[in-house]
Amino acid sequence: MARLGAFFRGWTTGLLIGVALALLFAPSRGEETRMRFQESLRAAWEDIRRAAEEERQRLEEELKRLRGEA
């Protein structure tokens, strides 16, 4: 579980730094920047959901193994 927490902390930190740098150095108009930011957030949310689903599956398999079901 600590591994998942560390992953999300690192991922969130990287995302925030990347967004801040993108906004600082973006040569495009505000509307374009907002659209790209929204797309990035959607992609990031999908990555989080995928990572959470993978971790859930891993934990379910571990629970089965510990119960002697697998």
Protein backbone atom coordinates (compact mmCIF):
# COMPACT_ATOMS: atom_id res chain seq x y z
CA MET A 1 0.00 0.00 0.00
CA ALA A 2 2.90 2.33 0.71
CA ARG A 3 4.13 1.68 -2.82
CA LEU A 4 0.84 2.94 -4.25
CA GLY A 5 0.93 6.03 -2.04
CA ALA A 6 4.47 6.81 -3.12
CA PHE A 7 3.47 6.35 -6.74
CA PHE A 8 0.58 8.81 -6.44
CA ARG A 9 2.67 11.38 -4.57
CA GLY A 10 5.39 11.23 -7.22
CA TRP A 11 2.91 11.26 -10.04
CA THR A 12 0.99 14.23 -8.60
CA THR A 13 4.17 16.17 -7.97
CA GLY A 14 5.34 15.57 -11.54
CA LEU A 15 1.94 16.55 -12.90
CA LEU A 16 1.86 19.81 -10.95
CA ILE A 17 5.40 20.74 -11.97
CA GLY A 18 4.64 19.91 -15.60
CA VAL A 19 1.43 21.94 -15.61
CA ALA A 20 3.13 24.91 -13.99
CA LEU A 21 5.96 24.84 -16.53
CA ALA A 22 3.54 24.42 -19.42
CA LEU A 23 1.50 27.42 -18.28
CA LEU A 24 4.61 29.54 -17.78
CA PHE A 25 6.12 28.78 -21.16
CA ALA A 26 3.01 28.25 -23.27
CA PRO A 27 3.17 30.31 -26.48
CA SER A 28 -0.50 29.78 -27.29
CA ARG A 29 -3.61 31.72 -26.40
CA GLY A 30 -5.37 31.24 -23.10
CA GLU A 31 -8.22 29.26 -24.62
CA GLU A 32 -5.86 26.83 -26.34
CA THR A 33 -3.83 26.47 -23.16
CA ARG A 34 -6.97 25.73 -21.13
CA MET A 35 -8.07 23.12 -23.66
CA ARG A 36 -4.68 21.41 -23.58
CA PHE A 37 -4.70 21.58 -19.79
CA GLN A 38 -8.14 19.94 -19.68
CA GLU A 39 -6.96 17.20 -22.05
CA SER A 40 -3.91 16.64 -19.87
CA LEU A 41 -6.08 16.40 -16.78
CA ARG A 42 -8.38 13.88 -18.49
CA ALA A 43 -5.39 11.78 -19.50
CA ALA A 44 -3.94 12.03 -16.00
CA TRP A 45 -7.26 11.00 -14.45
CA GLU A 46 -7.39 8.00 -16.76
CA ASP A 47 -3.84 7.06 -15.74
CA ILE A 48 -4.85 7.27 -12.08
CA ARG A 49 -7.93 5.14 -12.66
CA ARG A 50 -5.88 2.55 -14.54
CA ALA A 51 -3.20 2.43 -11.83
CA ALA A 52 -5.84 2.12 -9.12
CA GLU A 53 -7.57 -0.72 -11.00
CA GLU A 54 -4.26 -2.55 -11.45
CA GLU A 55 -3.47 -2.14 -7.76
CA ARG A 56 -6.96 -3.35 -6.80
CA GLN A 57 -6.50 -6.46 -8.93
CA ARG A 58 -3.08 -7.08 -7.43
CA LEU A 59 -4.47 -6.75 -3.92
CA GLU A 60 -7.38 -9.09 -4.69
CA GLU A 61 -4.94 -11.71 -5.98
CA GLU A 62 -2.79 -11.26 -2.87
CA LEU A 63 -5.85 -11.68 -0.66
CA LYS A 64 -6.84 -14.89 -2.49
CA ARG A 65 -3.31 -16.19 -2.10
CA LEU A 66 -3.29 -15.42 1.63
CA ARG A 67 -6.67 -17.12 2.06
CA GLY A 68 -5.40 -20.14 0.17
CA GLU A 69 -7.95 -19.76 -2.61
CA ALA A 70 -5.43 -19.52 -5.44
